Amino acid sequence: MDAEAAKYIAAGLATIGMGGAGIGVGIIFGNFLSGALRNPSAADQLFARVIFGFAVTEALGIFSFLVALLALFG
């Protein structure tokens, strides 16, 4: 296998985490909406935790994108 091909394969495998981050964000907001509709009085209290979960999930997605770029151009 060529070293250039291995770099492209590594970059492609590293971007799988970005798909996982997208799925995680969908699960987080879907569960928040489900809980907010069942108990609207607790929605304000849960929203801060939702934003924190969103930030952590997106940070992992950005981190996997960074690893893909490092594998490709490093």
N, C-alpha and C. Protein backbone atom coordinates (compact mmCIF):
# COMPACT_ATOMS: atom_id res chain seq x y z
N MET A 1 0.85 -1.17 0.00
CA MET A 1 0.00 0.00 0.00
C MET A 1 0.90 1.24 0.00
N ASP A 2 0.49 2.19 -0.74
CA ASP A 2 1.20 3.46 -0.84
C ASP A 2 0.97 4.27 0.44
N ALA A 3 1.98 5.04 0.85
CA ALA A 3 1.86 5.87 2.05
C ALA A 3 0.80 6.95 1.87
N GLU A 4 0.66 7.45 0.67
CA GLU A 4 -0.36 8.48 0.41
C GLU A 4 -1.77 7.90 0.56
N ALA A 5 -1.96 6.66 0.12
CA ALA A 5 -3.27 6.00 0.26
C ALA A 5 -3.58 5.75 1.73
N ALA A 6 -2.55 5.40 2.50
CA ALA A 6 -2.76 5.16 3.92
C ALA A 6 -3.17 6.44 4.64
N LYS A 7 -2.62 7.58 4.22
CA LYS A 7 -3.02 8.86 4.81
C LYS A 7 -4.48 9.16 4.54
N TYR A 8 -4.94 8.88 3.31
CA TYR A 8 -6.34 9.13 2.99
C TYR A 8 -7.27 8.18 3.75
N ILE A 9 -6.86 6.95 3.91
CA ILE A 9 -7.67 6.00 4.67
C ILE A 9 -7.74 6.42 6.13
N ALA A 10 -6.63 6.84 6.70
CA ALA A 10 -6.61 7.29 8.10
C ALA A 10 -7.48 8.52 8.30
N ALA A 11 -7.43 9.46 7.36
CA ALA A 11 -8.26 10.66 7.46
C ALA A 11 -9.74 10.30 7.35
N GLY A 12 -10.07 9.37 6.49
CA GLY A 12 -11.47 8.94 6.37
C GLY A 12 -11.98 8.24 7.61
N LEU A 13 -11.14 7.41 8.20
CA LEU A 13 -11.55 6.72 9.43
C LEU A 13 -11.67 7.69 10.60
N ALA A 14 -10.84 8.72 10.62
CA ALA A 14 -10.91 9.69 11.72
C ALA A 14 -12.17 10.54 11.65
N THR A 15 -12.75 10.69 10.48
CA THR A 15 -13.95 11.51 10.37
C THR A 15 -15.22 10.77 10.80
N ILE A 16 -15.12 9.50 11.13
CA ILE A 16 -16.29 8.77 11.62
C ILE A 16 -16.80 9.39 12.91
N GLY A 17 -15.91 9.96 13.71
CA GLY A 17 -16.31 10.63 14.95
C GLY A 17 -17.22 11.81 14.71
N MET A 18 -17.10 12.45 13.56
CA MET A 18 -17.99 13.58 13.26
C MET A 18 -19.42 13.09 13.06
N GLY A 19 -19.59 11.94 12.47
CA GLY A 19 -20.93 11.36 12.35
C GLY A 19 -21.50 10.99 13.71
N GLY A 20 -20.63 10.47 14.57
CA GLY A 20 -21.06 10.15 15.93
C GLY A 20 -21.47 11.39 16.70
N ALA A 21 -20.79 12.49 16.47
CA ALA A 21 -21.15 13.74 17.13
C ALA A 21 -22.51 14.23 16.65
N GLY A 22 -22.78 14.09 15.36
CA GLY A 22 -24.09 14.48 14.84
C GLY A 22 -25.21 13.64 15.43
N ILE A 23 -24.97 12.35 15.56
CA ILE A 23 -25.97 11.47 16.17
C ILE A 23 -26.17 11.84 17.63
N GLY A 24 -25.06 12.15 18.33
CA GLY A 24 -25.15 12.53 19.74
C GLY A 24 -25.94 13.80 19.96
N VAL A 25 -25.75 14.79 19.10
CA VAL A 25 -26.50 16.04 19.22
C VAL A 25 -27.99 15.79 19.00
N GLY A 26 -28.31 14.95 18.03
CA GLY A 26 -29.71 14.62 17.79
C GLY A 26 -30.35 13.92 18.98
N ILE A 27 -29.62 13.02 19.59
CA ILE A 27 -30.14 12.31 20.76
C ILE A 27 -30.33 13.27 21.93
N ILE A 28 -29.35 14.16 22.13
CA ILE A 28 -29.43 15.11 23.25
C ILE A 28 -30.66 16.00 23.12
N PHE A 29 -30.84 16.62 21.96
CA PHE A 29 -31.97 17.53 21.79
C PHE A 29 -33.30 16.79 21.71
N GLY A 30 -33.31 15.59 21.17
CA GLY A 30 -34.54 14.81 21.14
C GLY A 30 -35.01 14.44 22.54
N ASN A 31 -34.07 14.02 23.37
CA ASN A 31 -34.44 13.69 24.75
C ASN A 31 -34.82 14.93 25.55
N PHE A 32 -34.18 16.06 25.25
CA PHE A 32 -34.56 17.30 25.93
C PHE A 32 -35.99 17.69 25.57
N LEU A 33 -36.32 17.63 24.29
CA LEU A 33 -37.69 17.98 23.89
C LEU A 33 -38.71 17.03 24.50
N SER A 34 -38.37 15.77 24.56
CA SER A 34 -39.27 14.80 25.18
C SER A 34 -39.50 15.12 26.65
N GLY A 35 -38.42 15.42 27.35
CA GLY A 35 -38.56 15.76 28.77
C GLY A 35 -39.24 17.09 28.99
N ALA A 36 -38.97 18.07 28.12
CA ALA A 36 -39.59 19.39 28.28
C ALA A 36 -41.08 19.34 28.00
N LEU A 37 -41.50 18.50 27.08
CA LEU A 37 -42.92 18.39 26.80
C LEU A 37 -43.66 17.64 27.91
N ARG A 38 -42.97 16.74 28.58
CA ARG A 38 -43.61 16.01 29.68
C ARG A 38 -43.67 16.84 30.95
N ASN A 39 -42.65 17.70 31.17
CA ASN A 39 -42.60 18.52 32.38
C ASN A 39 -42.10 19.91 32.01
N PRO A 40 -42.99 20.78 31.54
CA PRO A 40 -42.56 22.11 31.08
C PRO A 40 -41.95 22.98 32.17
N SER A 41 -42.30 22.74 33.42
CA SER A 41 -41.76 23.58 34.49
C SER A 41 -40.27 23.31 34.73
N ALA A 42 -39.77 22.17 34.35
CA ALA A 42 -38.36 21.83 34.54
C ALA A 42 -37.52 22.12 33.30
N ALA A 43 -38.12 22.64 32.25
CA ALA A 43 -37.40 22.85 31.00
C ALA A 43 -36.28 23.87 31.15
N ASP A 44 -36.52 24.93 31.91
CA ASP A 44 -35.48 25.95 32.09
C ASP A 44 -34.28 25.39 32.85
N GLN A 45 -34.53 24.55 33.82
CA GLN A 45 -33.45 23.96 34.60
C GLN A 45 -32.64 22.97 33.75
N LEU A 46 -33.29 22.26 32.86
CA LEU A 46 -32.60 21.28 32.03
C LEU A 46 -31.84 21.91 30.87
N PHE A 47 -32.22 23.12 30.47
CA PHE A 47 -31.64 23.72 29.27
C PHE A 47 -30.13 23.95 29.43
N ALA A 48 -29.68 24.33 30.61
CA ALA A 48 -28.24 24.55 30.83
C ALA A 48 -27.47 23.25 30.65
N ARG A 49 -28.03 22.15 31.10
CA ARG A 49 -27.37 20.85 30.93
C ARG A 49 -27.38 20.42 29.47
N VAL A 50 -28.43 20.78 28.75
CA VAL A 50 -28.49 20.45 27.33
C VAL A 50 -27.41 21.20 26.57
N ILE A 51 -27.24 22.47 26.87
CA ILE A 51 -26.21 23.26 26.18
C ILE A 51 -24.82 22.72 26.50
N PHE A 52 -24.58 22.31 27.75
CA PHE A 52 -23.29 21.72 28.10
C PHE A 52 -23.06 20.41 27.34
N GLY A 53 -24.07 19.57 27.26
CA GLY A 53 -23.94 18.31 26.51
C GLY A 53 -23.71 18.56 25.03
N PHE A 54 -24.39 19.58 24.49
CA PHE A 54 -24.19 19.94 23.10
C PHE A 54 -22.76 20.40 22.86
N ALA A 55 -22.24 21.23 23.76
CA ALA A 55 -20.87 21.75 23.60
C ALA A 55 -19.84 20.63 23.67
N VAL A 56 -20.00 19.71 24.60
CA VAL A 56 -19.05 18.60 24.73
C VAL A 56 -19.12 17.69 23.51
N THR A 57 -20.32 17.41 23.03
CA THR A 57 -20.47 16.54 21.87
C THR A 57 -19.87 17.18 20.62
N GLU A 58 -20.13 18.46 20.42
CA GLU A 58 -19.56 19.14 19.26
C GLU A 58 -18.04 19.27 19.37
N ALA A 59 -17.53 19.42 20.59
CA ALA A 59 -16.08 19.49 20.77
C ALA A 59 -15.43 18.17 20.36
N LEU A 60 -16.07 17.06 20.65
CA LEU A 60 -15.54 15.76 20.23
C LEU A 60 -15.58 15.62 18.71
N GLY A 61 -16.62 16.15 18.08
CA GLY A 61 -16.69 16.13 16.63
C GLY A 61 -15.60 16.98 16.00
N ILE A 62 -15.36 18.15 16.56
CA ILE A 62 -14.29 19.02 16.05
C ILE A 62 -12.93 18.39 16.29
N PHE A 63 -12.77 17.71 17.41
CA PHE A 63 -11.51 17.03 17.69
C PHE A 63 -11.24 15.92 16.67
N SER A 64 -12.27 15.18 16.29
CA SER A 64 -12.07 14.13 15.29
C SER A 64 -11.74 14.74 13.93
N PHE A 65 -12.31 15.90 13.62
CA PHE A 65 -11.97 16.59 12.38
C PHE A 65 -10.51 17.04 12.40
N LEU A 66 -10.06 17.52 13.56
CA LEU A 66 -8.66 17.93 13.70
C LEU A 66 -7.72 16.74 13.53
N VAL A 67 -8.08 15.60 14.09
CA VAL A 67 -7.25 14.39 13.92
C VAL A 67 -7.21 13.99 12.46
N ALA A 68 -8.33 14.12 11.75
CA ALA A 68 -8.34 13.79 10.32
C ALA A 68 -7.42 14.72 9.55
N LEU A 69 -7.45 16.01 9.86
CA LEU A 69 -6.56 16.95 9.17
C LEU A 69 -5.10 16.68 9.49
N LEU A 70 -4.81 16.32 10.74
CA LEU A 70 -3.43 15.98 11.10
C LEU A 70 -2.97 14.72 10.39
N ALA A 71 -3.84 13.76 10.23
CA ALA A 71 -3.47 12.55 9.53
C ALA A 71 -3.25 12.82 8.04
N LEU A 72 -4.01 13.75 7.51
CA LEU A 72 -3.93 14.02 6.09
C LEU A 72 -2.74 14.91 5.74
N PHE A 73 -2.51 15.96 6.53
CA PHE A 73 -1.47 16.92 6.21
C PHE A 73 -0.25 16.86 7.10
N GLY A 74 -0.27 16.01 8.12
CA GLY A 74 0.84 15.94 9.06
C GLY A 74 1.94 15.00 8.64
